[in-house]
């Protein structure tokens, strides 16, 4: 029986070694998935920011034209200084709204690897169920 016990001990060590190798391999795979997911999300975020910058360049000149037109239009009924003041206050209100909206948008766009975190959670559940600890 001693030979049989040695064989079962050797297979137990082999199984434990395989288990550790699989856990390490799984951890590396999950880390690679997290890196890829974060890179993908950052690329989308970067493209969105670049497009916003380009659009702001052109909007700047359009707004200057609209501001001049608004001041000139209001100046037909009110003094020029009052027309400019009314337009300036309106622009400040629009700016405050855009800042608030931009901050809310950026807070939603934080690149968290949700898919990878869910996958890791499923892996832990599977491992705990396989070992009998997942009650």
C-alpha atoms as a PDB file:
ATOM      1  CA  UNK A   1       0.000   0.000   0.000  1.00  0.00           C
ATOM      2  CA  UNK A   2       2.909   2.304   0.458  1.00  0.00           C
ATOM      3  CA  UNK A   3       3.419   2.521  -3.317  1.00  0.00           C
ATOM      4  CA  UNK A   4      -0.242   3.434  -3.780  1.00  0.00           C
ATOM      5  CA  UNK A   5      -0.019   6.150  -1.113  1.00  0.00           C
ATOM      6  CA  UNK A   6       3.035   7.620  -2.822  1.00  0.00           C
ATOM      7  CA  UNK A   7       1.181   7.691  -6.139  1.00  0.00           C
ATOM      8  CA  UNK A   8      -1.803   9.491  -4.632  1.00  0.00           C
ATOM      9  CA  UNK A   9       0.524  11.940  -2.856  1.00  0.00           C
ATOM     10  CA  UNK A  10       2.342  12.686  -6.081  1.00  0.00           C
ATOM     11  CA  UNK A  11      -0.934  13.255  -7.895  1.00  0.00           C
ATOM     12  CA  UNK A  12      -2.116  15.535  -5.083  1.00  0.00           C
ATOM     13  CA  UNK A  13       1.038  17.643  -5.450  1.00  0.00           C
ATOM     14  CA  UNK A  14       0.524  17.671  -9.207  1.00  0.00           C
ATOM     15  CA  UNK A  15      -3.070  18.830  -8.776  1.00  0.00           C
ATOM     16  CA  UNK A  16      -2.058  21.567  -6.324  1.00  0.00           C
ATOM     17  CA  UNK A  17       0.679  22.726  -8.715  1.00  0.00           C
ATOM     18  CA  UNK A  18      -1.808  22.805 -11.572  1.00  0.00           C
ATOM     19  CA  UNK A  19      -4.283  24.702  -9.412  1.00  0.00           C
ATOM     20  CA  UNK A  20      -1.739  27.399  -8.600  1.00  0.00           C
ATOM     21  CA  UNK A  21      -0.686  27.611 -12.248  1.00  0.00           C
ATOM     22  CA  UNK A  22      -4.320  27.976 -13.323  1.00  0.00           C
ATOM     23  CA  UNK A  23      -5.018  30.643 -10.691  1.00  0.00           C
ATOM     24  CA  UNK A  24      -1.949  32.596 -11.811  1.00  0.00           C
ATOM     25  CA  UNK A  25      -2.951  32.186 -15.452  1.00  0.00           C
ATOM     26  CA  UNK A  26      -6.490  33.342 -14.657  1.00  0.00           C
ATOM     27  CA  UNK A  27      -5.201  36.380 -12.762  1.00  0.00           C
ATOM     28  CA  UNK A  28      -2.949  37.328 -15.679  1.00  0.00           C
ATOM     29  CA  UNK A  29      -5.810  36.913 -18.155  1.00  0.00           C
ATOM     30  CA  UNK A  30      -8.108  39.091 -16.037  1.00  0.00           C
ATOM     31  CA  UNK A  31      -5.392  41.742 -15.737  1.00  0.00           C
ATOM     32  CA  UNK A  32      -4.901  41.733 -19.510  1.00  0.00           C
ATOM     33  CA  UNK A  33      -8.662  42.034 -20.003  1.00  0.00           C
ATOM     34  CA  UNK A  34      -8.786  44.971 -17.601  1.00  0.00           C
ATOM     35  CA  UNK A  35      -5.939  46.714 -19.451  1.00  0.00           C
ATOM     36  CA  UNK A  36      -7.617  46.205 -22.821  1.00  0.00           C
ATOM     37  CA  UNK A  37     -10.970  47.414 -21.527  1.00  0.00           C
ATOM     38  CA  UNK A  38      -9.481  50.546 -19.957  1.00  0.00           C
ATOM     39  CA  UNK A  39      -7.524  51.331 -23.132  1.00  0.00           C
ATOM     40  CA  UNK A  40     -10.669  50.894 -25.236  1.00  0.00           C
ATOM     41  CA  UNK A  41     -12.667  53.199 -22.963  1.00  0.00           C
ATOM     42  CA  UNK A  42      -9.875  55.802 -22.856  1.00  0.00           C
ATOM     43  CA  UNK A  43      -9.705  55.833 -26.668  1.00  0.00           C
ATOM     44  CA  UNK A  44     -13.433  56.554 -26.851  1.00  0.00           C
ATOM     45  CA  UNK A  45     -13.088  59.255 -24.210  1.00  0.00           C
ATOM     46  CA  UNK A  46     -10.091  60.786 -26.025  1.00  0.00           C
ATOM     47  CA  UNK A  47     -11.920  60.860 -29.345  1.00  0.00           C
ATOM     48  CA  UNK A  48     -14.884  62.573 -27.717  1.00  0.00           C
ATOM     49  CA  UNK A  49     -12.656  65.190 -26.101  1.00  0.00           C
ATOM     50  CA  UNK A  50     -10.812  65.845 -29.382  1.00  0.00           C
ATOM     51  CA  UNK A  51     -14.087  66.345 -31.247  1.00  0.00           C
ATOM     52  CA  UNK A  52     -15.289  68.738 -28.558  1.00  0.00           C
ATOM     53  CA  UNK A  53     -12.098  70.791 -28.867  1.00  0.00           C
ATOM     54  CA  UNK A  54     -12.446  71.038 -32.666  1.00  0.00           C
ATOM     55  CA  UNK A  55     -16.086  72.050 -32.369  1.00  0.00           C
ATOM     56  CA  UNK A  56     -15.235  74.664 -29.738  1.00  0.00           C
ATOM     57  CA  UNK A  57     -12.752  76.240 -32.131  1.00  0.00           C
ATOM     58  CA  UNK A  58     -15.449  76.888 -34.712  1.00  0.00           C
ATOM     59  CA  UNK A  59     -18.146  77.752 -32.197  1.00  0.00           C
ATOM     60  CA  UNK A  60     -15.941  80.489 -30.772  1.00  0.00           C
ATOM     61  CA  UNK A  61     -16.087  82.492 -33.994  1.00  0.00           C
ATOM     62  CA  UNK A  62     -19.790  81.798 -34.534  1.00  0.00           C
ATOM     63  CA  UNK A  63     -20.604  83.016 -31.035  1.00  0.00           C
ATOM     64  CA  UNK A  64     -18.613  86.210 -31.622  1.00  0.00           C
ATOM     65  CA  UNK A  65     -20.772  86.929 -34.660  1.00  0.00           C
ATOM     66  CA  UNK A  66     -23.972  86.187 -32.756  1.00  0.00           C
ATOM     67  CA  UNK A  67     -22.888  88.389 -29.849  1.00  0.00           C
ATOM     68  CA  UNK A  68     -22.205  91.306 -32.176  1.00  0.00           C
ATOM     69  CA  UNK A  69     -25.561  90.761 -33.889  1.00  0.00           C
ATOM     70  CA  UNK A  70     -27.408  90.541 -30.561  1.00  0.00           C
ATOM     71  CA  UNK A  71     -25.821  93.716 -29.250  1.00  0.00           C
ATOM     72  CA  UNK A  72     -26.594  95.545 -32.485  1.00  0.00           C
ATOM     73  CA  UNK A  73     -30.181  94.274 -32.472  1.00  0.00           C
ATOM     74  CA  UNK A  74     -30.881  95.240 -28.874  1.00  0.00           C
ATOM     75  CA  UNK A  75     -29.126  98.590 -29.406  1.00  0.00           C
ATOM     76  CA  UNK A  76     -31.930  99.638 -31.756  1.00  0.00           C
ATOM     77  CA  UNK A  77     -34.254  99.835 -28.711  1.00  0.00           C
ATOM     78  CA  UNK A  78     -31.837 100.432 -25.814  1.00  0.00           C
ATOM     79  CA  UNK A  79     -28.492 102.184 -25.309  1.00  0.00           C
ATOM     80  CA  UNK A  80     -25.470 100.225 -26.597  1.00  0.00           C
ATOM     81  CA  UNK A  81     -23.946  99.793 -23.125  1.00  0.00           C
ATOM     82  CA  UNK A  82     -27.185  98.262 -21.780  1.00  0.00           C
ATOM     83  CA  UNK A  83     -27.438  95.995 -24.812  1.00  0.00           C
ATOM     84  CA  UNK A  84     -23.881  94.759 -24.240  1.00  0.00           C
ATOM     85  CA  UNK A  85     -24.625  94.185 -20.532  1.00  0.00           C
ATOM     86  CA  UNK A  86     -27.745  92.132 -21.270  1.00  0.00           C
ATOM     87  CA  UNK A  87     -25.874  89.973 -23.784  1.00  0.00           C
ATOM     88  CA  UNK A  88     -22.938  89.493 -21.370  1.00  0.00           C
ATOM     89  CA  UNK A  89     -25.238  88.275 -18.569  1.00  0.00           C
ATOM     90  CA  UNK A  90     -26.970  85.870 -20.975  1.00  0.00           C
ATOM     91  CA  UNK A  91     -23.563  84.512 -22.058  1.00  0.00           C
ATOM     92  CA  UNK A  92     -22.510  83.985 -18.434  1.00  0.00           C
ATOM     93  CA  UNK A  93     -25.694  82.013 -17.741  1.00  0.00           C
ATOM     94  CA  UNK A  94     -25.079  79.835 -20.797  1.00  0.00           C
ATOM     95  CA  UNK A  95     -21.464  79.304 -19.696  1.00  0.00           C
ATOM     96  CA  UNK A  96     -22.537  78.232 -16.202  1.00  0.00           C
ATOM     97  CA  UNK A  97     -24.975  75.715 -17.681  1.00  0.00           C
ATOM     98  CA  UNK A  98     -22.316  74.284 -19.987  1.00  0.00           C
ATOM     99  CA  UNK A  99     -19.802  73.945 -17.152  1.00  0.00           C
ATOM    100  CA  UNK A 100     -22.350  72.076 -15.018  1.00  0.00           C
ATOM    101  CA  UNK A 101     -23.307  69.788 -17.910  1.00  0.00           C
ATOM    102  CA  UNK A 102     -19.637  69.142 -18.797  1.00  0.00           C
ATOM    103  CA  UNK A 103     -18.712  68.186 -15.248  1.00  0.00           C
ATOM    104  CA  UNK A 104     -21.647  65.756 -15.074  1.00  0.00           C
ATOM    105  CA  UNK A 105     -20.609  64.194 -18.387  1.00  0.00           C
ATOM    106  CA  UNK A 106     -16.993  63.741 -17.317  1.00  0.00           C
ATOM    107  CA  UNK A 107     -18.015  62.153 -14.026  1.00  0.00           C
ATOM    108  CA  UNK A 108     -19.993  59.501 -15.915  1.00  0.00           C
ATOM    109  CA  UNK A 109     -17.083  58.769 -18.266  1.00  0.00           C
ATOM    110  CA  UNK A 110     -14.562  57.466 -15.715  1.00  0.00           C
ATOM    111  CA  UNK A 111     -13.017  54.370 -17.327  1.00  0.00           C
ATOM    112  CA  UNK A 112     -13.734  51.580 -14.868  1.00  0.00           C
ATOM    113  CA  UNK A 113     -13.307  48.054 -16.260  1.00  0.00           C
ATOM    114  CA  UNK A 114     -16.834  46.911 -15.335  1.00  0.00           C
ATOM    115  CA  UNK A 115     -16.795  43.851 -17.595  1.00  0.00           C
ATOM    116  CA  UNK A 116     -13.531  42.597 -16.121  1.00  0.00           C
ATOM    117  CA  UNK A 117     -14.702  43.191 -12.554  1.00  0.00           C
ATOM    118  CA  UNK A 118     -17.863  41.178 -13.271  1.00  0.00           C
ATOM    119  CA  UNK A 119     -15.764  38.407 -14.777  1.00  0.00           C
ATOM    120  CA  UNK A 120     -13.486  38.296 -11.725  1.00  0.00           C
ATOM    121  CA  UNK A 121     -16.519  38.138  -9.449  1.00  0.00           C
ATOM    122  CA  UNK A 122     -17.870  35.182 -11.442  1.00  0.00           C
ATOM    123  CA  UNK A 123     -14.454  33.480 -11.231  1.00  0.00           C
ATOM    124  CA  UNK A 124     -14.412  33.820  -7.433  1.00  0.00           C
ATOM    125  CA  UNK A 125     -17.959  32.460  -7.192  1.00  0.00           C
ATOM    126  CA  UNK A 126     -17.005  29.481  -9.348  1.00  0.00           C
ATOM    127  CA  UNK A 127     -13.881  28.794  -7.295  1.00  0.00           C
ATOM    128  CA  UNK A 128     -15.780  29.022  -3.995  1.00  0.00           C
ATOM    129  CA  UNK A 129     -18.499  26.701  -5.304  1.00  0.00           C
ATOM    130  CA  UNK A 130     -15.879  24.233  -6.567  1.00  0.00           C
ATOM    131  CA  UNK A 131     -14.150  24.156  -3.190  1.00  0.00           C
ATOM    132  CA  UNK A 132     -17.443  23.829  -1.298  1.00  0.00           C
ATOM    133  CA  UNK A 133     -17.163  27.197   0.421  1.00  0.00           C
ATOM    134  CA  UNK A 134     -19.861  28.922  -1.661  1.00  0.00           C
ATOM    135  CA  UNK A 135     -22.910  28.428   0.535  1.00  0.00           C
END
